[in-house]
Protein backbone atom coordinates (compact mmCIF):
# COMPACT_ATOMS: atom_id res chain seq x y z
CA MET A 1 0.16 -0.13 -0.21
CA LYS A 2 2.92 2.43 0.42
CA GLN A 3 4.07 1.68 -2.84
CA LEU A 4 0.58 2.86 -4.49
CA PRO A 5 0.98 6.78 -4.71
CA ILE A 6 4.30 5.70 -6.86
CA TYR A 7 2.39 3.77 -8.95
CA ILE A 8 -0.27 6.38 -9.21
CA LEU A 9 2.40 8.89 -10.49
CA ILE A 10 3.98 6.59 -12.86
CA ALA A 11 0.82 6.12 -14.45
CA LEU A 12 0.16 9.75 -14.59
CA PHE A 13 3.30 10.20 -16.35
CA PHE A 14 2.97 7.73 -19.11
CA GLY A 15 -1.01 9.06 -19.55
CA THR A 16 0.24 12.52 -19.83
CA TYR A 17 3.54 11.73 -22.05
CA ALA A 18 1.00 9.40 -24.28
CA GLN A 19 -1.78 12.10 -24.62
CA ALA A 20 1.11 15.12 -25.66
CA GLN A 21 2.57 12.24 -28.21
CA GLU A 22 -1.30 11.76 -29.91
CA LYS A 23 -1.53 15.59 -29.97
CA TYR A 24 1.86 16.16 -31.69
CA ASN A 25 1.51 15.87 -35.31
CA ARG A 26 4.81 15.89 -37.56
CA ALA A 27 2.90 16.90 -40.65
CA LYS A 28 1.28 19.83 -38.31
CA ALA A 29 4.47 20.88 -36.57
CA LEU A 30 4.95 24.47 -37.04
CA SER A 31 8.30 25.46 -38.91
CA SER A 32 10.67 28.21 -37.03
CA GLU A 33 9.49 31.10 -39.60
CA GLU A 34 5.60 30.29 -38.68
CA ILE A 35 6.21 30.53 -35.05
CA PHE A 36 8.15 33.62 -35.55
CA ILE A 37 4.89 34.99 -37.14
CA GLN A 38 2.64 33.31 -35.08
CA LYS A 39 4.28 34.97 -32.01
CA SER A 40 4.48 38.67 -33.33
CA PRO A 41 1.05 38.98 -35.35
CA ASN A 42 2.20 42.17 -36.61
CA ASN A 43 4.90 40.37 -38.83
CA ARG A 44 2.06 39.19 -41.20
CA ILE A 45 2.50 42.51 -42.74
CA ILE A 46 5.90 42.30 -44.05
CA ALA A 47 6.33 38.79 -43.84
CA LYS A 48 4.27 37.90 -47.36
CA PRO A 49 5.10 34.58 -49.14
CA GLU A 50 8.21 35.03 -51.20
CA GLN A 51 9.38 37.28 -49.55
CA LYS A 52 13.23 37.85 -48.88
CA TYR A 53 14.58 38.61 -45.59
CA LEU A 54 18.35 38.72 -44.28
CA VAL A 55 19.16 36.07 -41.31
CA LEU A 56 21.90 36.19 -38.76
CA ASP A 57 22.44 32.55 -37.53
CA ALA A 58 24.58 33.27 -34.25
CA SER A 59 26.18 30.87 -32.17
CA PRO A 60 28.39 33.04 -29.94
CA VAL A 61 30.92 31.77 -27.47
CA LEU A 62 29.06 33.64 -24.42
CA GLY A 63 25.35 32.09 -24.88
CA SER A 64 23.42 29.94 -26.82
CA PHE A 65 22.33 29.51 -30.33
CA HIS A 66 19.94 32.80 -31.60
CA ARG A 67 18.47 33.78 -35.27
CA TYR A 68 18.31 37.09 -35.87
CA ARG A 69 15.73 38.08 -38.73
CA TYR A 70 15.72 41.65 -40.65
CA PHE A 71 13.07 42.65 -43.14
CA PRO A 72 12.87 45.47 -45.06
CA GLY A 73 12.23 48.42 -43.08
CA ASP A 74 14.47 46.82 -40.42
CA GLN A 75 17.37 48.89 -38.68
CA ILE A 76 20.61 47.17 -39.19
CA LYS A 77 23.75 47.83 -37.40
CA PHE A 78 26.91 46.58 -38.79
CA ARG A 79 30.63 47.38 -40.08
CA MET A 80 32.08 46.65 -43.65
CA LYS A 81 35.81 44.90 -44.14
CA ASN A 82 38.38 47.45 -44.48
CA GLU A 83 36.28 50.29 -43.33
CA THR A 84 35.77 51.92 -39.79
CA ILE A 85 32.43 53.33 -40.34
CA ARG A 86 29.50 52.23 -38.26
CA PHE A 87 26.38 51.99 -40.42
CA ASN A 88 23.24 52.38 -38.62
CA GLU A 89 21.06 52.32 -41.72
CA THR A 90 17.25 51.02 -42.69
CA ILE A 91 16.85 48.02 -45.00
CA ALA A 92 15.54 49.15 -48.19
CA ALA A 93 15.63 45.75 -50.10
CA ILE A 94 17.22 42.20 -49.61
CA SER A 95 18.14 39.95 -52.57
CA ASP A 96 19.88 36.61 -52.66
CA SER A 97 23.56 38.14 -51.90
CA SER A 98 23.11 41.70 -50.85
CA ILE A 99 21.17 44.15 -48.73
CA SER A 100 20.59 47.76 -49.81
CA ILE A 101 20.06 50.43 -47.93
CA ALA A 102 19.22 54.23 -47.91
CA ILE A 103 21.05 57.20 -47.75
CA ILE A 104 20.15 60.96 -47.63
CA ASN A 105 22.69 62.86 -49.92
CA VAL A 106 22.75 66.25 -48.58
CA ALA A 107 24.30 67.71 -51.40
CA ALA A 108 21.83 66.77 -54.28
CA GLY A 109 19.05 66.72 -51.97
CA LYS A 110 17.81 63.15 -52.89
CA MET A 111 17.96 59.93 -51.14
CA GLU A 112 20.33 57.51 -52.79
CA TYR A 113 20.54 53.60 -52.49
CA GLN A 114 23.80 51.61 -51.70
CA GLU A 115 24.16 47.80 -52.53
CA ILE A 116 25.68 46.23 -49.85
CA PRO A 117 27.06 42.63 -50.60
CA LEU A 118 26.64 40.16 -47.45
CA LYS A 119 30.34 38.73 -48.28
CA GLU A 120 31.50 42.37 -47.15
CA ILE A 121 29.85 42.74 -44.13
CA ARG A 122 32.37 41.82 -41.57
CA LEU A 123 30.33 42.75 -37.89
CA VAL A 124 26.43 42.99 -36.96
CA LYS A 125 25.70 44.94 -33.97
CA THR A 126 22.71 42.67 -32.48
CA SER A 127 20.24 43.26 -29.58
CA ARG A 128 17.56 40.92 -27.94
CA LYS A 129 14.97 41.13 -24.89
CA ILE A 130 16.24 38.62 -22.10
CA PRO A 131 13.38 38.41 -19.57
CA PHE A 132 15.11 39.49 -16.38
CA VAL A 133 18.46 39.70 -17.80
CA THR A 134 18.26 42.88 -20.16
CA ALA A 135 16.50 44.81 -17.32
CA ALA A 136 19.53 43.51 -14.78
CA ALA A 137 22.41 44.72 -17.27
CA PRO A 138 22.28 48.94 -16.26
CA ILE A 139 20.65 48.26 -12.48
CA LEU A 140 23.57 45.17 -11.33
CA PRO A 141 26.81 47.90 -12.16
CA PHE A 142 25.08 50.34 -10.14
CA ALA A 143 24.12 48.01 -7.00
CA GLY A 144 27.68 46.92 -6.98
CA LEU A 145 28.66 50.44 -6.71
CA LEU A 146 26.36 51.40 -3.87
CA PHE A 147 27.55 48.31 -2.18
CA ILE A 148 31.05 48.99 -2.33
CA GLY A 149 30.34 52.89 -1.57
CA ALA A 150 27.68 52.21 1.44
CA ASP A 151 30.67 49.72 2.88
CA PHE A 152 32.84 52.69 2.31
CA PHE A 153 30.98 55.52 3.84
CA ASN A 154 29.26 53.96 6.41
CA PRO A 155 31.36 52.69 9.65
CA GLY A 156 32.00 49.13 9.97
CA ILE A 157 32.34 46.88 12.59
CA ASP A 158 35.62 48.50 13.49
CA ASN A 159 33.41 51.87 13.92
CA ARG A 160 35.51 53.63 11.08
CA ARG A 161 34.37 55.61 8.08
CA PHE A 162 35.85 55.88 4.78
CA THR A 163 37.60 52.10 4.72
CA THR A 164 36.18 49.43 3.39
CA ASP A 165 37.10 45.42 3.11
CA ALA A 166 37.90 42.53 0.50
CA SER A 167 34.61 40.83 1.13
CA ALA A 168 32.83 44.26 -0.02
CA ILE A 169 34.84 44.71 -2.62
CA ALA A 170 34.00 40.90 -3.77
CA VAL A 171 30.62 41.18 -3.81
CA GLY A 172 30.39 45.01 -5.23
CA GLY A 173 32.54 43.24 -8.16
CA GLY A 174 30.24 40.06 -8.56
CA PHE A 175 27.57 42.38 -9.29
CA MET A 176 29.08 44.49 -11.46
CA LEU A 177 30.46 41.22 -13.47
CA ALA A 178 26.95 40.05 -13.55
CA GLY A 179 25.63 43.17 -15.19
CA PHE A 180 28.76 42.83 -17.60
CA ILE A 181 27.62 39.45 -18.21
CA SER A 182 24.07 40.13 -18.66
CA TYR A 183 24.65 42.89 -21.21
CA LYS A 184 27.17 40.81 -23.36
CA LEU A 185 24.27 38.50 -23.31
CA SER A 186 21.35 41.00 -24.41
CA PHE A 187 23.78 43.18 -26.63
CA SER A 188 26.64 41.59 -29.02
CA SER A 189 28.65 42.62 -31.63
CA LEU A 190 28.92 39.81 -33.91
CA LYS A 191 31.87 38.88 -36.04
CA ILE A 192 30.32 37.30 -39.56
CA ASN A 193 32.55 33.70 -38.94
CA GLY A 194 31.98 30.04 -39.09
CA ARG A 195 30.19 30.44 -36.23
CA ASN A 196 27.98 33.47 -37.15
CA LYS A 197 26.91 33.64 -40.47
CA LEU A 198 24.50 35.57 -42.48
CA LYS A 199 22.09 34.62 -45.47
CA VAL A 200 19.00 35.68 -47.09
CA LEU A 201 16.09 33.39 -46.61
CA GLU A 202 12.43 33.42 -48.43
CA THR A 203 8.97 33.32 -46.73
CA TYR A 204 6.70 30.79 -47.80
C-alpha cells in the first residue's frame, strides 16, 4: 500500500506523455518561420509569401544559438571589411546576396540607395530582450558600486568610516561582473565567421 502513490505518479506520467504524443503531429508541426509570425502578428504584414529576408544565425561563445531576422524596413547596425564606418541604416531591399540601404545625399537633396554585398559585412551589432537579464544589465553594476560605496562611507565593524574590506569589494565586483555578462548576452557585436553566418531566406 505504501507504494501505491508511486504507481499512481508513474501512471499519470505515462498517461500525460501518451496524450501529448497523440496531440503532436509531425505533419502539422510549425516551422521556425511560422512560429516567428505566430509570436508577433504584426509580422504578417511584412512576411508575405516569397518575401526575402536577411538571417543572422549566431552561435556566440557566451550564450546559446539565436537566429536574428531582418526584413525590409528594419534597422541594422553593421561594419564592413576594411572600413571603420559604423552603419546604422534602414534596409531598403534584400536580394540573394546583398542588402540595399537608403542614404540621404544632402548635397544633391535626394535619397540614394547603396547595395552592400553580404560577403563584405564584417560585423553586426545585435540586441535581444531576455526576461530579467536585459533589465538587470544596467542595474547590477550600479548596485555593485552602491554596495561598495555604502561600505566605504558607513562605519563598519571597526566603527571607522572611509574604509572597506575585501569582502565588500568581492560582492560589489560580483554585481558588476553579473551586469557585464547580462549586457553581453543582450547586446552583442557578432563577427561574421564560421559560427555567425549571414544568409538570405524566403518566406513561403
